[in-house]
Amino acid sequence: MGSFSIWHWLIVLLVVVMIFGTKKLRNIGSDLGGAVKGFKEGMKTEDEAAKQIKEGSQTIEGEVKDKNSHNV
């Protein structure tokens, strides 16, 4: 119960191919692949940008003086 046999999956595949056609399924597959590729490239560029920011940042320690403060 809950798992389908190979025959169930073949029938489902046949029905999907009959409804959408092979050309439409190919287009959907290529669109999905392009979207995944674009997402991976976007994540890679974000990771590289974050790494560059992290490497380029420096901590400068010092004393902060207020313009309006008076030495007493």
N, C-alpha and C. Protein backbone atom coordinates (compact mmCIF):
# COMPACT_ATOMS: atom_id res chain seq x y z
N MET A 1 0.84 -1.17 0.00
CA MET A 1 0.00 0.00 0.00
C MET A 1 0.89 1.24 0.00
N GLY A 2 0.57 2.22 -0.82
CA GLY A 2 1.34 3.44 -0.85
C GLY A 2 2.41 3.45 -1.93
N SER A 3 2.87 2.31 -2.37
CA SER A 3 3.86 2.30 -3.44
C SER A 3 3.22 1.75 -4.70
N PHE A 4 3.63 2.34 -5.80
CA PHE A 4 3.07 1.93 -7.08
C PHE A 4 4.03 0.99 -7.78
N SER A 5 3.49 0.11 -8.57
CA SER A 5 4.33 -0.81 -9.34
C SER A 5 4.81 -0.09 -10.60
N ILE A 6 5.69 -0.71 -11.32
CA ILE A 6 6.23 -0.12 -12.55
C ILE A 6 5.13 0.09 -13.58
N TRP A 7 4.12 -0.75 -13.57
CA TRP A 7 3.03 -0.62 -14.54
C TRP A 7 2.20 0.64 -14.28
N HIS A 8 2.01 0.97 -13.03
CA HIS A 8 1.29 2.20 -12.71
C HIS A 8 2.04 3.42 -13.24
N TRP A 9 3.37 3.44 -13.02
CA TRP A 9 4.17 4.57 -13.48
C TRP A 9 4.22 4.66 -15.00
N LEU A 10 4.27 3.52 -15.68
CA LEU A 10 4.26 3.53 -17.15
C LEU A 10 2.94 4.08 -17.69
N ILE A 11 1.84 3.71 -17.06
CA ILE A 11 0.53 4.21 -17.50
C ILE A 11 0.45 5.72 -17.25
N VAL A 12 0.92 6.18 -16.11
CA VAL A 12 0.92 7.62 -15.81
C VAL A 12 1.78 8.36 -16.83
N LEU A 13 2.96 7.83 -17.14
CA LEU A 13 3.84 8.44 -18.13
C LEU A 13 3.18 8.49 -19.50
N LEU A 14 2.52 7.43 -19.89
CA LEU A 14 1.83 7.39 -21.18
C LEU A 14 0.72 8.45 -21.24
N VAL A 15 -0.04 8.59 -20.17
CA VAL A 15 -1.12 9.58 -20.14
C VAL A 15 -0.55 10.99 -20.22
N VAL A 16 0.54 11.26 -19.49
CA VAL A 16 1.16 12.59 -19.52
C VAL A 16 1.69 12.90 -20.91
N VAL A 17 2.32 11.95 -21.57
CA VAL A 17 2.83 12.16 -22.93
C VAL A 17 1.68 12.40 -23.89
N MET A 18 0.59 11.68 -23.72
CA MET A 18 -0.57 11.87 -24.61
C MET A 18 -1.20 13.25 -24.40
N ILE A 19 -1.22 13.74 -23.18
CA ILE A 19 -1.84 15.03 -22.91
C ILE A 19 -0.95 16.18 -23.39
N PHE A 20 0.33 16.16 -23.02
CA PHE A 20 1.20 17.29 -23.31
C PHE A 20 1.98 17.14 -24.60
N GLY A 21 2.28 15.95 -25.02
CA GLY A 21 3.12 15.74 -26.20
C GLY A 21 4.59 15.83 -25.84
N THR A 22 5.41 15.19 -26.64
CA THR A 22 6.84 15.14 -26.32
C THR A 22 7.52 16.49 -26.50
N LYS A 23 7.09 17.28 -27.48
CA LYS A 23 7.72 18.58 -27.70
C LYS A 23 7.48 19.51 -26.52
N LYS A 24 6.28 19.54 -26.02
CA LYS A 24 5.95 20.39 -24.87
C LYS A 24 6.73 19.94 -23.64
N LEU A 25 6.85 18.63 -23.42
CA LEU A 25 7.60 18.11 -22.28
C LEU A 25 9.08 18.47 -22.39
N ARG A 26 9.63 18.42 -23.60
CA ARG A 26 11.03 18.80 -23.81
C ARG A 26 11.24 20.27 -23.48
N ASN A 27 10.30 21.12 -23.91
CA ASN A 27 10.40 22.56 -23.62
C ASN A 27 10.32 22.82 -22.12
N ILE A 28 9.44 22.13 -21.44
CA ILE A 28 9.31 22.30 -19.99
C ILE A 28 10.61 21.87 -19.30
N GLY A 29 11.18 20.76 -19.76
CA GLY A 29 12.43 20.27 -19.18
C GLY A 29 13.58 21.24 -19.38
N SER A 30 13.69 21.81 -20.59
CA SER A 30 14.78 22.75 -20.85
C SER A 30 14.58 24.05 -20.08
N ASP A 31 13.33 24.51 -19.95
CA ASP A 31 13.05 25.71 -19.15
C ASP A 31 13.41 25.49 -17.68
N LEU A 32 13.05 24.34 -17.17
CA LEU A 32 13.35 24.02 -15.78
C LEU A 32 14.86 23.92 -15.56
N GLY A 33 15.56 23.30 -16.50
CA GLY A 33 17.02 23.19 -16.41
C GLY A 33 17.68 24.57 -16.46
N GLY A 34 17.19 25.46 -17.32
CA GLY A 34 17.74 26.81 -17.40
C GLY A 34 17.50 27.59 -16.12
N ALA A 35 16.34 27.39 -15.52
CA ALA A 35 16.03 28.08 -14.26
C ALA A 35 16.96 27.60 -13.14
N VAL A 36 17.21 26.30 -13.08
CA VAL A 36 18.09 25.76 -12.05
C VAL A 36 19.51 26.26 -12.26
N LYS A 37 19.95 26.31 -13.51
CA LYS A 37 21.30 26.79 -13.83
C LYS A 37 21.44 28.27 -13.45
N GLY A 38 20.43 29.06 -13.76
CA GLY A 38 20.46 30.48 -13.39
C GLY A 38 20.48 30.68 -11.89
N PHE A 39 19.72 29.86 -11.17
CA PHE A 39 19.71 29.95 -9.71
C PHE A 39 21.07 29.62 -9.14
N LYS A 40 21.72 28.58 -9.65
CA LYS A 40 23.05 28.20 -9.16
C LYS A 40 24.06 29.30 -9.43
N GLU A 41 24.00 29.91 -10.62
CA GLU A 41 24.93 31.00 -10.93
C GLU A 41 24.69 32.20 -10.02
N GLY A 42 23.44 32.50 -9.75
CA GLY A 42 23.11 33.60 -8.84
C GLY A 42 23.62 33.35 -7.44
N MET A 43 23.49 32.13 -6.97
CA MET A 43 23.98 31.80 -5.63
C MET A 43 25.50 31.88 -5.59
N LYS A 44 26.15 31.46 -6.67
CA LYS A 44 27.61 31.48 -6.72
C LYS A 44 28.12 32.93 -6.69
N THR A 45 27.48 33.81 -7.44
CA THR A 45 27.94 35.20 -7.46
C THR A 45 27.67 35.87 -6.11
N GLU A 46 26.58 35.52 -5.44
CA GLU A 46 26.31 36.06 -4.10
C GLU A 46 27.35 35.58 -3.11
N ASP A 47 27.72 34.30 -3.19
CA ASP A 47 28.74 33.76 -2.29
C ASP A 47 30.08 34.45 -2.51
N GLU A 48 30.43 34.67 -3.79
CA GLU A 48 31.70 35.33 -4.10
C GLU A 48 31.69 36.77 -3.61
N ALA A 49 30.57 37.47 -3.77
CA ALA A 49 30.47 38.86 -3.31
C ALA A 49 30.58 38.93 -1.79
N ALA A 50 29.93 38.01 -1.10
CA ALA A 50 30.00 37.98 0.36
C ALA A 50 31.43 37.68 0.82
N LYS A 51 32.10 36.80 0.11
CA LYS A 51 33.48 36.47 0.45
C LYS A 51 34.40 37.67 0.25
N GLN A 52 34.19 38.41 -0.84
CA GLN A 52 35.00 39.59 -1.10
C GLN A 52 34.76 40.66 -0.05
N ILE A 53 33.52 40.84 0.37
CA ILE A 53 33.22 41.82 1.40
C ILE A 53 33.88 41.43 2.71
N LYS A 54 33.81 40.13 3.01
CA LYS A 54 34.40 39.65 4.26
C LYS A 54 35.91 39.83 4.24
N GLU A 55 36.56 39.54 3.11
CA GLU A 55 38.02 39.68 3.01
C GLU A 55 38.43 41.15 3.00
N GLY A 56 37.63 42.01 2.42
CA GLY A 56 37.98 43.42 2.28
C GLY A 56 37.68 44.25 3.51
N SER A 57 36.89 43.72 4.42
CA SER A 57 36.53 44.52 5.60
C SER A 57 37.66 44.51 6.61
N GLN A 58 37.85 45.65 7.24
CA GLN A 58 38.88 45.79 8.26
C GLN A 58 38.26 46.46 9.47
N THR A 59 38.72 46.09 10.61
CA THR A 59 38.26 46.72 11.83
C THR A 59 39.26 47.79 12.22
N ILE A 60 38.77 49.00 12.37
CA ILE A 60 39.64 50.11 12.76
C ILE A 60 39.26 50.50 14.18
N GLU A 61 40.23 50.38 15.06
CA GLU A 61 39.97 50.74 16.45
C GLU A 61 40.50 52.13 16.70
N GLY A 62 39.77 52.86 17.47
CA GLY A 62 40.20 54.21 17.78
C GLY A 62 39.24 54.87 18.73
N GLU A 63 39.51 56.11 18.95
CA GLU A 63 38.69 56.88 19.87
C GLU A 63 37.75 57.77 19.06
N VAL A 64 36.51 57.79 19.45
CA VAL A 64 35.53 58.61 18.76
C VAL A 64 35.32 59.86 19.59
N LYS A 65 35.45 61.00 18.95
CA LYS A 65 35.26 62.27 19.65
C LYS A 65 34.06 62.96 19.07
N ASP A 66 33.24 63.49 19.94
CA ASP A 66 32.06 64.21 19.53
C ASP A 66 32.43 65.67 19.28
N LYS A 67 31.90 66.28 18.25
CA LYS A 67 32.21 67.67 17.95
C LYS A 67 31.75 68.61 19.05
N ASN A 68 30.66 68.29 19.69
CA ASN A 68 30.07 69.18 20.68
C ASN A 68 30.58 68.95 22.10
N SER A 69 31.43 67.97 22.31
CA SER A 69 31.90 67.69 23.67
C SER A 69 32.99 68.67 24.06
N HIS A 70 33.02 69.02 25.31
CA HIS A 70 34.03 69.96 25.82
C HIS A 70 34.90 69.21 26.83
N ASN A 71 36.17 69.45 26.74
CA ASN A 71 37.07 68.84 27.70
C ASN A 71 36.98 69.61 29.02
N VAL A 72 36.75 68.91 30.09
CA VAL A 72 36.63 69.56 31.39
C VAL A 72 37.80 69.21 32.24
